[in-house]
Protein backbone atom coordinates (compact mmCIF):
# COMPACT_ATOMS: atom_id res chain seq x y z
CA MET A 1 -0.09 0.11 -0.02
CA ALA A 2 1.57 3.33 -1.14
CA GLU A 3 0.24 5.29 1.80
CA ILE A 4 2.06 3.34 4.53
CA GLU A 5 5.12 2.76 2.30
CA LYS A 6 5.51 6.61 2.18
CA TYR A 7 5.02 6.69 6.12
CA ALA A 8 7.64 4.01 6.50
CA ALA A 9 10.02 5.97 4.35
CA ASN A 10 9.87 8.87 6.71
CA MET A 11 10.47 6.63 9.67
CA LYS A 12 13.56 5.21 7.69
CA GLU A 13 14.98 8.79 7.13
CA ILE A 14 14.46 9.40 10.93
CA LYS A 15 16.45 6.20 11.59
CA LEU A 16 19.30 7.36 9.29
CA ARG A 17 19.52 10.87 10.75
CA THR A 18 19.69 9.22 14.18
CA GLU A 19 22.58 7.24 13.18
CA VAL A 20 24.21 10.56 12.26
CA ILE A 21 23.28 12.02 15.57
CA ASP A 22 24.73 8.99 17.43
CA LEU A 23 27.99 9.23 15.52
CA PHE A 24 28.48 12.87 16.78
CA LEU A 25 27.19 12.12 20.19
CA SER A 26 29.85 9.27 20.58
CA GLY A 27 32.61 11.39 19.44
CA GLN A 28 33.14 9.49 16.27
CA LEU A 29 32.30 12.47 14.18
CA ASP A 30 32.99 16.22 14.94
CA THR A 31 33.57 19.51 13.05
CA ARG A 32 36.59 20.22 15.07
CA TYR A 33 34.71 23.16 16.90
CA VAL A 34 32.13 22.69 19.52
CA PRO A 35 29.43 25.35 18.36
CA THR A 36 29.58 23.80 14.77
CA THR A 37 29.34 20.41 16.08
CA VAL A 38 26.45 21.31 18.25
CA GLU A 39 24.69 23.10 15.40
CA THR A 40 25.17 20.21 13.14
CA ILE A 41 23.61 17.83 15.59
CA GLY A 42 20.87 20.36 16.22
CA LEU A 43 20.06 20.52 12.50
CA GLN A 44 19.55 16.76 12.33
CA PHE A 45 17.15 16.85 15.33
CA ARG A 46 15.36 19.80 13.77
CA LYS A 47 14.53 17.77 10.63
CA LEU A 48 13.94 14.71 12.54
CA PHE A 49 11.32 16.64 14.40
CA GLU A 50 9.63 17.79 11.28
CA LEU A 51 9.52 14.39 9.81
CA ILE A 52 7.75 13.13 13.03
CA ALA A 53 5.03 15.93 12.55
CA PHE A 54 4.59 15.46 8.83
CA ALA A 55 4.68 11.62 8.61
CA SER A 56 1.02 10.92 8.87
CA LEU A 57 0.45 13.34 5.92
CA ALA A 58 3.29 11.90 3.77
CA ALA A 59 0.68 9.83 1.77
CA ASN A 60 -1.89 12.62 1.22
CA ARG A 61 -0.45 14.78 -1.50
CA GLU A 62 -3.27 17.58 -1.32
CA GLN A 63 -3.36 17.90 2.41
CA TYR A 64 0.36 17.71 2.78
CA SER A 65 1.06 20.42 0.04
CA LEU A 66 -1.45 22.71 1.97
CA ILE A 67 0.16 22.27 5.25
CA TYR A 68 3.73 22.40 4.05
CA ALA A 69 3.21 25.41 2.17
CA ASP A 70 2.09 27.21 5.41
CA PHE A 71 4.81 25.81 7.42
CA ALA A 72 7.40 26.65 4.79
CA GLU A 73 6.36 30.33 5.01
CA HIS A 74 6.30 30.37 8.75
CA TRP A 75 8.55 27.70 10.14
CA GLN A 76 6.54 27.51 13.41
CA LEU A 77 5.92 24.05 14.50
CA ALA A 78 3.38 25.13 16.97
CA LYS A 79 1.26 26.34 14.09
CA LEU A 80 1.84 23.21 12.03
CA VAL A 81 0.64 20.93 14.98
CA LYS A 82 -2.27 22.93 15.35
CA ASN A 83 -3.14 22.56 11.60
CA LEU A 84 -2.13 18.78 11.73
CA ARG A 85 -4.56 18.34 14.72
CA ARG A 86 -7.40 19.90 12.78
CA ILE A 87 -6.96 17.73 9.65
CA ASN A 88 -6.07 14.52 11.44
CA PRO A 89 -6.38 14.59 15.18
CA ALA A 90 -4.53 11.26 15.64
CA PHE A 91 -1.58 12.38 13.66
CA TYR A 92 0.93 11.87 16.47
CA PRO A 93 2.54 8.52 16.99
CA LYS A 94 1.27 6.58 19.76
CA PRO A 95 3.98 4.47 21.39
CA VAL A 96 3.02 0.98 22.63
CA LEU A 97 4.65 -2.01 24.10
CA GLU A 98 3.99 -5.51 23.04
CA VAL A 99 2.68 -7.94 25.76
CA PRO A 100 1.66 -11.38 25.95
CA SER A 101 -1.82 -11.72 24.54
CA LYS A 102 -4.69 -13.37 26.56
CA GLU A 103 -6.63 -13.80 23.25
CA PRO A 104 -6.84 -17.21 21.90
CA GLY A 105 -4.49 -17.48 18.94
CA VAL A 106 -3.05 -14.17 19.40
CA LEU A 107 0.61 -13.95 20.37
CA HIS A 108 0.72 -10.34 21.28
CA GLY A 109 -1.33 -7.60 22.70
CA LEU A 110 -0.57 -3.91 22.95
CA LYS A 111 -0.11 -1.77 26.02
CA ASP A 112 0.25 2.04 26.01
CA ARG A 113 3.78 3.04 26.84
CA ASP A 114 4.49 5.13 29.97
CA GLN A 115 5.25 8.85 29.40
CA ASP A 116 8.89 8.42 28.87
CA TYR A 117 8.77 9.55 25.32
CA LEU A 118 8.81 12.76 23.46
CA THR A 119 5.31 14.37 23.87
CA GLU A 120 3.75 16.71 21.16
CA ASP A 121 4.43 19.72 23.49
CA GLU A 122 7.98 18.59 24.07
CA LEU A 123 8.26 18.02 20.03
CA ILE A 124 7.34 21.84 19.66
CA GLU A 125 9.75 23.01 22.32
CA ALA A 126 12.66 21.08 21.23
CA HIS A 127 12.10 22.04 17.50
CA GLY A 128 12.17 25.80 18.71
CA ARG A 129 15.39 25.22 20.70
CA CYS A 130 17.03 23.76 17.55
CA GLY A 131 15.97 26.88 15.68
CA THR A 132 17.97 28.95 18.09
CA LEU A 133 20.93 27.17 16.68
CA ALA A 134 20.33 28.12 13.10
CA HIS A 135 21.02 31.79 13.64
CA SER A 136 24.01 33.63 15.05
CA ALA A 137 23.81 34.90 18.71
CA ASN A 138 22.90 38.39 19.13
CA PRO A 139 26.16 39.95 20.39
CA PHE A 140 24.06 42.21 22.63
CA GLY A 141 21.94 39.51 24.14
CA ASP A 142 22.84 36.21 25.88
CA PRO A 143 25.32 33.87 24.07
CA ILE A 144 24.11 30.64 23.02
CA ASP A 145 24.54 27.90 25.74
CA TYR A 146 26.22 25.12 24.02
CA THR A 147 26.50 23.14 27.03
CA PHE A 148 22.74 23.08 27.45
CA TYR A 149 22.44 21.45 23.92
CA ASN A 150 25.28 18.92 24.80
CA GLU A 151 23.40 17.76 27.83
CA ILE A 152 19.79 17.70 26.30
CA PHE A 153 20.58 16.09 22.94
CA PRO A 154 20.95 12.48 24.70
CA VAL A 155 17.64 13.15 26.44
CA TRP A 156 15.91 14.01 23.08
CA ARG A 157 17.46 11.01 21.40
CA THR A 158 16.19 8.61 24.08
CA LYS A 159 12.78 10.06 24.06
CA VAL A 160 12.48 9.98 20.36
CA ILE A 161 13.38 6.20 20.46
CA ASN A 162 10.84 5.60 23.20
CA LEU A 163 8.17 7.50 20.95
CA LEU A 164 8.94 5.59 17.69
CA ASN A 165 10.50 2.22 18.37
CA ASN A 166 7.09 0.44 18.45
CA HIS A 167 4.06 2.88 17.69
CA LYS A 168 0.69 2.77 16.49
CA VAL A 169 -0.27 5.29 13.83
CA HIS A 170 -3.56 6.47 12.11
CA LEU A 171 -3.06 7.82 8.49
CA LEU A 172 -5.53 10.31 7.29
CA GLY A 173 -8.82 8.83 5.75
CA ASP A 174 -7.96 5.25 7.13
CA LYS A 175 -10.36 3.75 9.54
CA GLY A 176 -7.88 1.21 10.86
CA PHE A 177 -4.39 1.63 12.27
CA TRP A 178 -0.97 0.45 11.69
CA ILE A 179 1.68 -0.96 14.10
CA ILE A 180 5.31 0.29 13.22
CA HIS A 181 8.44 -1.62 14.27
CA MET A 182 11.41 0.65 13.75
CA GLN A 183 13.72 -2.35 14.04
CA GLU A 184 13.39 -6.12 13.58
CA ASP A 185 16.14 -8.73 13.54
CA GLY A 186 17.82 -9.17 10.01
CA LYS A 187 16.08 -6.08 8.54
CA GLY A 188 18.73 -3.42 9.03
CA ASN A 189 17.48 -0.04 8.52
CA GLU A 190 14.27 -1.24 7.04
CA VAL A 191 10.91 -0.33 9.01
CA SER A 192 8.29 -3.01 9.30
CA TYR A 193 4.56 -2.26 9.54
CA TYR A 194 1.43 -4.38 10.21
CA ARG A 195 -2.06 -3.46 9.75
CA PHE A 196 -5.20 -3.61 12.06
CA GLU A 197 -8.70 -3.19 11.31
CA PRO A 198 -10.85 -0.99 13.53
CA ASN A 199 -12.35 -3.86 15.44
CA ALA A 200 -8.95 -5.37 16.16
CA LYS A 201 -8.65 -5.96 19.96
CA MET A 202 -5.23 -4.50 20.32
């Protein structure tokens, strides 16, 4: 199905950008200068946050184009999220855990994950923080606190992984839902997905 394939492609890009972030956070890559290294990581996070927000509309060209045109003009994720909620109230990934099922013939059930993941409000705040790194500091204002970013980047990474590792998503116009596995043994960077009908007991 083309719609879910486009969603999965966005998730795969998030995985690849996370790999780049990991290389910088581990010290395997750097730009030889703390500010530029932090700014490079911040750019990857900013794009990653936008991919999370846009993913559920990736399969709907008309709605995506309308929302993206407005976002490209204003670059305010808070406004984007407000518009996304209006078009698809269930746009945001819902993180779940797989647990043993009590249903006959069903191997796994789903349980909502505790709130140790990146929430919508945190997504908006983190995106705004990354925006600060896109501009030179005002010489008459406070300098950019690069130490803050070095400390918060690993927190964001963990929360993004917890949000997306196993999650439920509702695509626009689809009455069912999909379970997304960001990682499965032997599948490398490929993203796996499984469809469930509205009456599925999961």
